[in-house]
Amino acid sequence: MEATLPKRADAVRNRERVVAAAAEVFAERGIEAGVPEIAARAGVGKATVYRSFPTKEHLIGAVVVEKLTDLERRARARFDHPDPWQALVELVDDDAARQCVDRSLVSALHTGVAAELLAPARASMWDAISRLMDRAKAQGTMREDVSAADLRVLWIGVARVLTADGVEDPAVWRRYCRLALGALRA
């Protein structure tokens, strides 16, 4: 079953409010937060949520797809950066600052919730990061033998540990981000 995209303008606005409210609630309380809390935050009833999202998993998927799409957009915006290595560092550094206050992305990817809903957005996001990494390799600032999969393992591993430890200090997240990236530097 797929999420239903509304056609009426008021239904579109309600769906947008629900996704925005879910993003806030998941950032604050994690993906374990309930639909009633999200509906209340959005100012709608539970039935309104379920008209667009047949299950909570579909709602989590919609929120996380927006986050993955945003990360892809930020990666693509750095394609023309004169220093590809610095562009990658800035991207991951920015992501570290975001993830330390919003664990919904790490939680969703760790638990595998909505995996089939996230797959296209994940693939597109990692393609953009891979292209940025290829530029850094061509520049000679990144090891030739690394791939986006290597960065994924390093960065997601760091994010999972910091999340599990309850670390909320952006400086700590950025420090570990840079340590992980250091393993990829030429």
N, C-alpha and C. Protein backbone atom coordinates (compact mmCIF):
# COMPACT_ATOMS: atom_id res chain seq x y z
N MET A 1 0.84 -1.17 0.00
CA MET A 1 0.00 0.00 0.00
C MET A 1 0.89 1.24 0.00
N GLU A 2 0.58 2.19 -0.84
CA GLU A 2 1.38 3.40 -0.94
C GLU A 2 0.65 4.58 -0.32
N ALA A 3 1.42 5.60 0.05
CA ALA A 3 0.82 6.82 0.57
C ALA A 3 0.02 7.47 -0.55
N THR A 4 -1.08 8.09 -0.19
CA THR A 4 -1.97 8.70 -1.15
C THR A 4 -1.66 10.19 -1.25
N LEU A 5 -1.44 10.66 -2.46
CA LEU A 5 -1.21 12.09 -2.68
C LEU A 5 -2.54 12.77 -2.90
N PRO A 6 -2.89 13.76 -2.08
CA PRO A 6 -4.18 14.43 -2.20
C PRO A 6 -4.24 15.31 -3.44
N LYS A 7 -5.47 15.56 -3.89
CA LYS A 7 -5.68 16.40 -5.07
C LYS A 7 -6.25 17.77 -4.70
N ARG A 8 -7.10 17.83 -3.68
CA ARG A 8 -7.70 19.10 -3.28
C ARG A 8 -6.68 19.97 -2.58
N ALA A 9 -6.78 21.28 -2.77
CA ALA A 9 -5.82 22.22 -2.18
C ALA A 9 -5.79 22.13 -0.66
N ASP A 10 -6.95 22.00 -0.02
CA ASP A 10 -6.98 21.91 1.44
C ASP A 10 -6.36 20.60 1.92
N ALA A 11 -6.55 19.54 1.16
CA ALA A 11 -5.94 18.26 1.52
C ALA A 11 -4.42 18.30 1.35
N VAL A 12 -3.97 18.99 0.31
CA VAL A 12 -2.52 19.16 0.10
C VAL A 12 -1.93 19.94 1.27
N ARG A 13 -2.59 21.02 1.67
CA ARG A 13 -2.11 21.81 2.81
C ARG A 13 -2.08 20.96 4.09
N ASN A 14 -3.13 20.17 4.31
CA ASN A 14 -3.16 19.30 5.49
C ASN A 14 -2.02 18.29 5.46
N ARG A 15 -1.76 17.72 4.31
CA ARG A 15 -0.68 16.74 4.19
C ARG A 15 0.65 17.42 4.51
N GLU A 16 0.88 18.60 3.99
CA GLU A 16 2.11 19.33 4.26
C GLU A 16 2.24 19.64 5.75
N ARG A 17 1.13 20.03 6.38
CA ARG A 17 1.16 20.30 7.83
C ARG A 17 1.47 19.04 8.62
N VAL A 18 0.91 17.92 8.19
CA VAL A 18 1.16 16.65 8.88
C VAL A 18 2.63 16.26 8.75
N VAL A 19 3.20 16.37 7.56
CA VAL A 19 4.61 16.02 7.37
C VAL A 19 5.50 16.96 8.19
N ALA A 20 5.20 18.25 8.19
CA ALA A 20 6.00 19.20 8.98
C ALA A 20 5.89 18.90 10.47
N ALA A 21 4.69 18.61 10.93
CA ALA A 21 4.50 18.27 12.35
C ALA A 21 5.21 16.97 12.69
N ALA A 22 5.12 15.99 11.81
CA ALA A 22 5.80 14.71 12.05
C ALA A 22 7.30 14.91 12.12
N ALA A 23 7.83 15.74 11.24
CA ALA A 23 9.28 16.01 11.26
C ALA A 23 9.69 16.60 12.60
N GLU A 24 8.90 17.54 13.11
CA GLU A 24 9.20 18.16 14.42
C GLU A 24 9.11 17.13 15.55
N VAL A 25 8.01 16.38 15.57
CA VAL A 25 7.80 15.41 16.65
C VAL A 25 8.86 14.32 16.61
N PHE A 26 9.15 13.79 15.42
CA PHE A 26 10.18 12.75 15.31
C PHE A 26 11.55 13.30 15.73
N ALA A 27 11.84 14.55 15.39
CA ALA A 27 13.11 15.14 15.78
C ALA A 27 13.21 15.25 17.31
N GLU A 28 12.10 15.59 17.94
CA GLU A 28 12.08 15.77 19.40
C GLU A 28 12.04 14.45 20.16
N ARG A 29 11.20 13.53 19.69
CA ARG A 29 10.91 12.32 20.48
C ARG A 29 11.33 11.02 19.81
N GLY A 30 11.78 11.09 18.58
CA GLY A 30 12.15 9.88 17.86
C GLY A 30 10.98 9.34 17.06
N ILE A 31 11.27 8.35 16.23
CA ILE A 31 10.24 7.81 15.35
C ILE A 31 9.24 6.94 16.11
N GLU A 32 9.47 6.75 17.39
CA GLU A 32 8.53 6.00 18.22
C GLU A 32 7.30 6.83 18.58
N ALA A 33 7.37 8.15 18.37
CA ALA A 33 6.24 9.03 18.70
C ALA A 33 5.00 8.55 17.96
N GLY A 34 3.85 8.80 18.56
CA GLY A 34 2.60 8.30 18.00
C GLY A 34 1.89 9.25 17.06
N VAL A 35 1.04 8.67 16.24
CA VAL A 35 0.25 9.45 15.29
C VAL A 35 -0.67 10.45 15.99
N PRO A 36 -1.30 10.12 17.13
CA PRO A 36 -2.15 11.12 17.79
C PRO A 36 -1.39 12.40 18.15
N GLU A 37 -0.16 12.27 18.62
CA GLU A 37 0.65 13.44 18.95
C GLU A 37 0.97 14.26 17.70
N ILE A 38 1.26 13.57 16.62
CA ILE A 38 1.56 14.25 15.36
C ILE A 38 0.33 14.97 14.83
N ALA A 39 -0.81 14.29 14.88
CA ALA A 39 -2.06 14.91 14.42
C ALA A 39 -2.38 16.15 15.24
N ALA A 40 -2.21 16.06 16.56
CA ALA A 40 -2.47 17.22 17.42
C ALA A 40 -1.53 18.37 17.07
N ARG A 41 -0.26 18.07 16.86
CA ARG A 41 0.71 19.12 16.51
C ARG A 41 0.34 19.77 15.18
N ALA A 42 -0.18 18.98 14.24
CA ALA A 42 -0.56 19.50 12.93
C ALA A 42 -1.91 20.22 12.96
N GLY A 43 -2.65 20.03 14.05
CA GLY A 43 -3.96 20.65 14.15
C GLY A 43 -5.02 19.94 13.32
N VAL A 44 -4.84 18.63 13.16
CA VAL A 44 -5.80 17.81 12.40
C VAL A 44 -6.15 16.57 13.23
N GLY A 45 -7.14 15.84 12.77
CA GLY A 45 -7.50 14.59 13.42
C GLY A 45 -6.67 13.43 12.88
N LYS A 46 -6.69 12.32 13.61
CA LYS A 46 -5.95 11.13 13.16
C LYS A 46 -6.43 10.67 11.79
N ALA A 47 -7.72 10.79 11.53
CA ALA A 47 -8.27 10.35 10.24
C ALA A 47 -7.64 11.13 9.09
N THR A 48 -7.38 12.40 9.32
CA THR A 48 -6.73 13.23 8.29
C THR A 48 -5.33 12.70 7.99
N VAL A 49 -4.62 12.30 9.03
CA VAL A 49 -3.28 11.73 8.84
C VAL A 49 -3.39 10.46 8.00
N TYR A 50 -4.32 9.58 8.37
CA TYR A 50 -4.42 8.29 7.70
C TYR A 50 -5.00 8.37 6.29
N ARG A 51 -5.63 9.50 5.94
CA ARG A 51 -6.08 9.66 4.55
C ARG A 51 -4.89 9.80 3.60
N SER A 52 -3.81 10.43 4.06
CA SER A 52 -2.63 10.58 3.22
C SER A 52 -1.59 9.50 3.47
N PHE A 53 -1.58 8.96 4.69
CA PHE A 53 -0.57 7.98 5.08
C PHE A 53 -1.26 6.77 5.69
N PRO A 54 -1.41 5.69 4.92
CA PRO A 54 -2.16 4.53 5.41
C PRO A 54 -1.57 3.91 6.68
N THR A 55 -0.26 4.09 6.89
CA THR A 55 0.38 3.56 8.09
C THR A 55 1.37 4.60 8.61
N LYS A 56 1.76 4.42 9.86
CA LYS A 56 2.78 5.30 10.42
C LYS A 56 4.08 5.15 9.65
N GLU A 57 4.37 3.95 9.18
CA GLU A 57 5.59 3.72 8.39
C GLU A 57 5.61 4.61 7.15
N HIS A 58 4.46 4.80 6.51
CA HIS A 58 4.40 5.68 5.35
C HIS A 58 4.69 7.13 5.74
N LEU A 59 4.22 7.52 6.91
CA LEU A 59 4.48 8.88 7.39
C LEU A 59 5.97 9.05 7.71
N ILE A 60 6.57 8.08 8.37
CA ILE A 60 8.02 8.13 8.63
C ILE A 60 8.76 8.20 7.31
N GLY A 61 8.34 7.39 6.35
CA GLY A 61 8.97 7.40 5.03
C GLY A 61 8.92 8.77 4.38
N ALA A 62 7.77 9.44 4.46
CA ALA A 62 7.64 10.77 3.85
C ALA A 62 8.59 11.77 4.50
N VAL A 63 8.70 11.71 5.82
CA VAL A 63 9.59 12.63 6.53
C VAL A 63 11.05 12.36 6.17
N VAL A 64 11.43 11.10 6.18
CA VAL A 64 12.83 10.75 5.92
C VAL A 64 13.19 11.00 4.46
N VAL A 65 12.27 10.75 3.54
CA VAL A 65 12.55 11.05 2.13
C VAL A 65 12.84 12.54 1.97
N GLU A 66 12.09 13.39 2.67
CA GLU A 66 12.38 14.83 2.60
C GLU A 66 13.79 15.14 3.10
N LYS A 67 14.22 14.47 4.16
CA LYS A 67 15.57 14.69 4.71
C LYS A 67 16.64 14.19 3.74
N LEU A 68 16.42 13.03 3.15
CA LEU A 68 17.38 12.49 2.18
C LEU A 68 17.45 13.38 0.94
N THR A 69 16.31 13.85 0.49
CA THR A 69 16.27 14.73 -0.68
C THR A 69 16.98 16.05 -0.38
N ASP A 70 16.83 16.56 0.83
CA ASP A 70 17.52 17.78 1.21
C ASP A 70 19.04 17.56 1.24
N LEU A 71 19.47 16.42 1.79
CA LEU A 71 20.91 16.12 1.82
C LEU A 71 21.45 15.98 0.40
N GLU A 72 20.70 15.34 -0.47
CA GLU A 72 21.11 15.25 -1.88
C GLU A 72 21.24 16.63 -2.50
N ARG A 73 20.25 17.48 -2.26
CA ARG A 73 20.28 18.85 -2.80
C ARG A 73 21.51 19.60 -2.31
N ARG A 74 21.82 19.46 -1.02
CA ARG A 74 23.00 20.14 -0.45
C ARG A 74 24.29 19.58 -1.04
N ALA A 75 24.33 18.28 -1.34
CA ALA A 75 25.52 17.70 -1.98
C ALA A 75 25.67 18.25 -3.40
N ARG A 76 24.57 18.26 -4.14
CA ARG A 76 24.62 18.75 -5.53
C ARG A 76 24.99 20.23 -5.58
N ALA A 77 24.58 20.99 -4.59
CA ALA A 77 24.90 22.42 -4.55
C ALA A 77 26.40 22.64 -4.40
N ARG A 78 27.12 21.61 -3.97
CA ARG A 78 28.57 21.73 -3.77
C ARG A 78 29.38 21.20 -4.96
N PHE A 79 28.73 20.76 -6.01
CA PHE A 79 29.46 20.21 -7.16
C PHE A 79 30.44 21.21 -7.77
N ASP A 80 30.12 22.48 -7.73
CA ASP A 80 30.98 23.49 -8.35
C ASP A 80 31.96 24.12 -7.37
N HIS A 81 32.00 23.61 -6.15
CA HIS A 81 32.92 24.15 -5.15
C HIS A 81 34.35 23.99 -5.67
N PRO A 82 35.20 25.01 -5.53
CA PRO A 82 36.57 24.91 -6.06
C PRO A 82 37.43 23.86 -5.35
N ASP A 83 37.06 23.47 -4.13
CA ASP A 83 37.81 22.47 -3.39
C ASP A 83 36.86 21.34 -3.02
N PRO A 84 36.81 20.27 -3.84
CA PRO A 84 35.85 19.19 -3.60
C PRO A 84 36.00 18.52 -2.23
N TRP A 85 37.24 18.38 -1.75
CA TRP A 85 37.42 17.78 -0.43
C TRP A 85 36.76 18.65 0.64
N GLN A 86 37.01 19.94 0.57
CA GLN A 86 36.40 20.87 1.54
C GLN A 86 34.89 20.84 1.41
N ALA A 87 34.39 20.73 0.19
CA ALA A 87 32.94 20.65 -0.02
C ALA A 87 32.35 19.43 0.68
N LEU A 88 33.04 18.30 0.59
CA LEU A 88 32.58 17.08 1.25
C LEU A 88 32.63 17.25 2.77
N VAL A 89 33.72 17.80 3.27
CA VAL A 89 33.85 18.03 4.71
C VAL A 89 32.71 18.94 5.20
N GLU A 90 32.44 20.01 4.48
CA GLU A 90 31.37 20.92 4.87
C GLU A 90 30.01 20.24 4.85
N LEU A 91 29.78 19.39 3.85
CA LEU A 91 28.51 18.67 3.75
C LEU A 91 28.31 17.75 4.95
N VAL A 92 29.31 16.96 5.27
CA VAL A 92 29.19 16.00 6.37
C VAL A 92 29.15 16.76 7.70
N ASP A 93 29.92 17.83 7.81
CA ASP A 93 29.92 18.65 9.01
C ASP A 93 28.53 19.25 9.26
N ASP A 94 27.92 19.76 8.21
CA ASP A 94 26.57 20.32 8.29
C ASP A 94 25.57 19.23 8.68
N ASP A 95 25.73 18.06 8.10
CA ASP A 95 24.84 16.95 8.42
C ASP A 95 25.00 16.53 9.88
N ALA A 96 26.22 16.56 10.38
CA ALA A 96 26.47 16.22 11.79
C ALA A 96 25.71 17.17 12.70
N ALA A 97 25.76 18.46 12.40
CA ALA A 97 25.06 19.44 13.23
C ALA A 97 23.56 19.21 13.19
N ARG A 98 23.05 18.81 12.05
CA ARG A 98 21.61 18.55 11.93
C ARG A 98 21.21 17.27 12.68
N GLN A 99 22.02 16.22 12.51
CA GLN A 99 21.65 14.95 13.12
C GLN A 99 21.75 14.95 14.64
N CYS A 100 22.59 15.78 15.20
CA CYS A 100 22.71 15.77 16.67
C CYS A 100 21.44 16.30 17.33
N VAL A 101 20.63 17.07 16.61
CA VAL A 101 19.37 17.55 17.17
C VAL A 101 18.14 16.88 16.56
N ASP A 102 18.35 16.06 15.54
CA ASP A 102 17.24 15.37 14.88
C ASP A 102 17.68 13.96 14.54
N ARG A 103 17.29 13.02 15.36
CA ARG A 103 17.73 11.64 15.20
C ARG A 103 16.80 10.80 14.33
N SER A 104 15.80 11.41 13.73
CA SER A 104 14.83 10.63 12.97
C SER A 104 15.45 9.90 11.78
N LEU A 105 16.39 10.53 11.10
CA LEU A 105 17.03 9.89 9.96
C LEU A 105 17.84 8.67 10.39
N VAL A 106 18.67 8.84 11.41
CA VAL A 106 19.48 7.73 11.92
C VAL A 106 18.59 6.61 12.41
N SER A 107 17.54 6.96 13.15
CA SER A 107 16.64 5.95 13.70
C SER A 107 15.94 5.16 12.60
N ALA A 108 15.44 5.88 11.61
CA ALA A 108 14.72 5.20 10.52
C ALA A 108 15.64 4.28 9.74
N LEU A 109 16.84 4.75 9.44
CA LEU A 109 17.77 3.93 8.67
C LEU A 109 18.28 2.75 9.50
N HIS A 110 18.48 2.96 10.80
CA HIS A 110 18.97 1.90 11.68
C HIS A 110 17.94 0.80 11.86
N THR A 111 16.69 1.18 12.03
CA THR A 111 15.66 0.17 12.28
C THR A 111 15.14 -0.47 11.00
N GLY A 112 15.43 0.15 9.87
CA GLY A 112 14.96 -0.39 8.60
C GLY A 112 13.51 -0.06 8.31
N VAL A 113 12.90 0.83 9.11
CA VAL A 113 11.52 1.20 8.89
C VAL A 113 11.39 1.87 7.52
N ALA A 114 10.36 1.53 6.81
CA ALA A 114 10.05 2.14 5.51
C ALA A 114 11.18 1.97 4.49
N ALA A 115 11.96 0.91 4.62
CA ALA A 115 13.13 0.73 3.76
C ALA A 115 12.78 0.80 2.28
N GLU A 116 11.70 0.15 1.88
CA GLU A 116 11.34 0.16 0.46
C GLU A 116 10.88 1.54 0.01
N LEU A 117 10.32 2.33 0.93
CA LEU A 117 9.89 3.68 0.59
C LEU A 117 11.08 4.62 0.46
N LEU A 118 12.15 4.32 1.19
CA LEU A 118 13.33 5.18 1.21
C LEU A 118 14.34 4.85 0.13
N ALA A 119 14.28 3.66 -0.42
CA ALA A 119 15.33 3.17 -1.33
C ALA A 119 15.64 4.13 -2.48
N PRO A 120 14.66 4.64 -3.22
CA PRO A 120 15.01 5.54 -4.33
C PRO A 120 15.69 6.83 -3.86
N ALA A 121 15.21 7.41 -2.79
CA ALA A 121 15.81 8.65 -2.28
C ALA A 121 17.22 8.39 -1.74
N ARG A 122 17.41 7.25 -1.08
CA ARG A 122 18.74 6.90 -0.57
C ARG A 122 19.72 6.74 -1.73
N ALA A 123 19.30 6.03 -2.76
CA ALA A 123 20.17 5.79 -3.91
C ALA A 123 20.56 7.11 -4.59
N SER A 124 19.59 7.99 -4.76
CA SER A 124 19.86 9.27 -5.40
C SER A 124 20.79 10.14 -4.55
N MET A 125 20.57 10.13 -3.23
CA MET A 125 21.42 10.91 -2.34
C MET A 125 22.85 10.39 -2.36
N TRP A 126 23.03 9.07 -2.28
CA TRP A 126 24.38 8.51 -2.29
C TRP A 126 25.05 8.69 -3.64
N ASP A 127 24.28 8.73 -4.71
CA ASP A 127 24.85 9.01 -6.03
C ASP A 127 25.45 10.42 -6.04
N ALA A 128 24.73 11.38 -5.48
CA ALA A 128 25.23 12.76 -5.44
C ALA A 128 26.51 12.84 -4.59
N ILE A 129 26.51 12.16 -3.45
CA ILE A 129 27.71 12.18 -2.59
C ILE A 129 28.87 11.48 -3.30
N SER A 130 28.59 10.41 -4.00
CA SER A 130 29.62 9.69 -4.74
C SER A 130 30.25 10.59 -5.81
N ARG A 131 29.43 11.37 -6.48
CA ARG A 131 29.95 12.30 -7.48
C ARG A 131 30.85 13.35 -6.84
N LEU A 132 30.47 13.83 -5.67
CA LEU A 132 31.30 14.78 -4.95
C LEU A 132 32.63 14.13 -4.55
N MET A 133 32.55 12.88 -4.11
CA MET A 133 33.77 12.14 -3.74
C MET A 133 34.66 11.91 -4.96
N ASP A 134 34.06 11.62 -6.11
CA ASP A 134 34.84 11.43 -7.34
C ASP A 134 35.62 12.69 -7.69
N ARG A 135 35.03 13.84 -7.47
CA ARG A 135 35.73 15.10 -7.73
C ARG A 135 36.92 15.25 -6.78
N ALA A 136 36.73 14.86 -5.51
CA ALA A 136 37.83 14.95 -4.54
C ALA A 136 38.94 13.97 -4.91
N LYS A 137 38.59 12.79 -5.40
CA LYS A 137 39.61 11.83 -5.86
C LYS A 137 40.38 12.40 -7.04
N ALA A 138 39.67 12.99 -7.98
CA ALA A 138 40.33 13.57 -9.16
C ALA A 138 41.27 14.71 -8.76
N GLN A 139 40.91 15.42 -7.70
CA GLN A 139 41.74 16.50 -7.18
C GLN A 139 42.96 15.95 -6.45
N GLY A 140 42.90 14.69 -6.03
CA GLY A 140 44.01 14.08 -5.31
C GLY A 140 43.92 14.24 -3.80
N THR A 141 42.78 14.70 -3.30
CA THR A 141 42.64 14.92 -1.86
C THR A 141 41.92 13.77 -1.15
N MET A 142 41.40 12.82 -1.93
CA MET A 142 40.71 11.67 -1.35
C MET A 142 41.35 10.39 -1.87
N ARG A 143 41.44 9.42 -0.99
CA ARG A 143 42.02 8.13 -1.37
C ARG A 143 41.26 7.55 -2.56
N GLU A 144 42.00 6.98 -3.49
CA GLU A 144 41.40 6.38 -4.69
C GLU A 144 40.58 5.12 -4.38
N ASP A 145 40.93 4.42 -3.31
CA ASP A 145 40.32 3.12 -3.03
C ASP A 145 39.05 3.20 -2.18
N VAL A 146 38.52 4.39 -1.94
CA VAL A 146 37.31 4.51 -1.12
C VAL A 146 36.10 4.78 -1.99
N SER A 147 34.95 4.46 -1.44
CA SER A 147 33.69 4.66 -2.16
C SER A 147 32.67 5.30 -1.22
N ALA A 148 31.55 5.64 -1.79
CA ALA A 148 30.46 6.18 -0.98
C ALA A 148 30.01 5.16 0.06
N ALA A 149 30.11 3.88 -0.27
CA ALA A 149 29.75 2.84 0.69
C ALA A 149 30.66 2.89 1.92
N ASP A 150 31.93 3.21 1.71
CA ASP A 150 32.86 3.34 2.84
C ASP A 150 32.45 4.51 3.73
N LEU A 151 32.13 5.64 3.11
CA LEU A 151 31.69 6.80 3.89
C LEU A 151 30.40 6.47 4.63
N ARG A 152 29.50 5.77 3.97
CA ARG A 152 28.23 5.39 4.60
C ARG A 152 28.48 4.58 5.87
N VAL A 153 29.33 3.57 5.78
CA VAL A 153 29.62 2.74 6.95
C VAL A 153 30.25 3.56 8.07
N LEU A 154 31.24 4.38 7.73
CA LEU A 154 31.92 5.19 8.75
C LEU A 154 30.97 6.20 9.39
N TRP A 155 30.26 6.95 8.55
CA TRP A 155 29.44 8.02 9.08
C TRP A 155 28.22 7.49 9.82
N ILE A 156 27.54 6.51 9.25
CA ILE A 156 26.35 5.97 9.93
C ILE A 156 26.76 5.26 11.21
N GLY A 157 27.91 4.62 11.20
CA GLY A 157 28.40 3.99 12.43
C GLY A 157 28.62 5.02 13.53
N VAL A 158 29.26 6.12 13.18
CA VAL A 158 29.49 7.21 14.14
C VAL A 158 28.14 7.75 14.63
N ALA A 159 27.24 8.01 13.70
CA ALA A 159 25.94 8.58 14.06
C ALA A 159 25.16 7.65 14.99
N ARG A 160 25.21 6.36 14.73
CA ARG A 160 24.50 5.41 15.60
C ARG A 160 25.06 5.41 17.02
N VAL A 161 26.37 5.41 17.13
CA VAL A 161 26.99 5.41 18.47
C VAL A 161 26.66 6.70 19.20
N LEU A 162 26.81 7.83 18.54
CA LEU A 162 26.53 9.11 19.20
C LEU A 162 25.06 9.22 19.58
N THR A 163 24.18 8.70 18.73
CA THR A 163 22.76 8.69 19.05
C THR A 163 22.50 7.80 20.26
N ALA A 164 23.05 6.59 20.25
CA ALA A 164 22.85 5.66 21.36
C ALA A 164 23.40 6.22 22.67
N ASP A 165 24.48 6.98 22.59
CA ASP A 165 25.07 7.58 23.79
C ASP A 165 24.37 8.86 24.21
N GLY A 166 23.41 9.33 23.41
CA GLY A 166 22.67 10.54 23.75
C GLY A 166 23.47 11.82 23.62
N VAL A 167 24.50 11.81 22.79
CA VAL A 167 25.34 13.00 22.61
C VAL A 167 24.56 14.05 21.83
N GLU A 168 24.44 15.24 22.40
CA GLU A 168 23.69 16.32 21.77
C GLU A 168 24.55 17.54 21.45
N ASP A 169 25.81 17.46 21.72
CA ASP A 169 26.72 18.59 21.48
C ASP A 169 27.18 18.57 20.02
N PRO A 170 26.83 19.58 19.23
CA PRO A 170 27.24 19.62 17.82
C PRO A 170 28.76 19.55 17.65
N ALA A 171 29.51 20.11 18.58
CA ALA A 171 30.97 20.08 18.47
C ALA A 171 31.49 18.65 18.54
N VAL A 172 30.88 17.83 19.37
CA VAL A 172 31.29 16.42 19.46
C VAL A 172 30.95 15.70 18.16
N TRP A 173 29.74 15.93 17.64
CA TRP A 173 29.36 15.31 16.38
C TRP A 173 30.31 15.73 15.26
N ARG A 174 30.65 17.01 15.20
CA ARG A 174 31.56 17.50 14.15
C ARG A 174 32.95 16.88 14.31
N ARG A 175 33.40 16.73 15.54
CA ARG A 175 34.71 16.13 15.77
C ARG A 175 34.76 14.71 15.21
N TYR A 176 33.77 13.92 15.52
CA TYR A 176 33.75 12.54 15.01
C TYR A 176 33.53 12.49 13.51
N CYS A 177 32.80 13.45 12.99
CA CYS A 177 32.63 13.56 11.54
C CYS A 177 33.98 13.74 10.88
N ARG A 178 34.78 14.62 11.41
CA ARG A 178 36.11 14.89 10.83
C ARG A 178 37.07 13.71 11.03
N LEU A 179 36.95 13.02 12.16
CA LEU A 179 37.78 11.82 12.36
C LEU A 179 37.43 10.75 11.33
N ALA A 180 36.14 10.55 11.10
CA ALA A 180 35.70 9.56 10.11
C ALA A 180 36.18 9.96 8.71
N LEU A 181 36.04 11.21 8.36
CA LEU A 181 36.49 11.67 7.05
C LEU A 181 38.01 11.57 6.90
N GLY A 182 38.73 11.74 8.00
CA GLY A 182 40.18 11.63 7.95
C GLY A 182 40.65 10.30 7.41
N ALA A 183 39.87 9.25 7.63
CA ALA A 183 40.24 7.92 7.12
C ALA A 183 40.17 7.87 5.60
N LEU A 184 39.47 8.81 5.00
CA LEU A 184 39.29 8.81 3.54
C LEU A 184 40.23 9.78 2.83
N ARG A 185 40.93 10.57 3.59
CA ARG A 185 41.79 11.61 3.00
C ARG A 185 43.06 11.00 2.39
N ALA A 186 43.45 11.52 1.24
CA ALA A 186 44.66 11.06 0.56
C ALA A 186 45.88 11.58 1.27
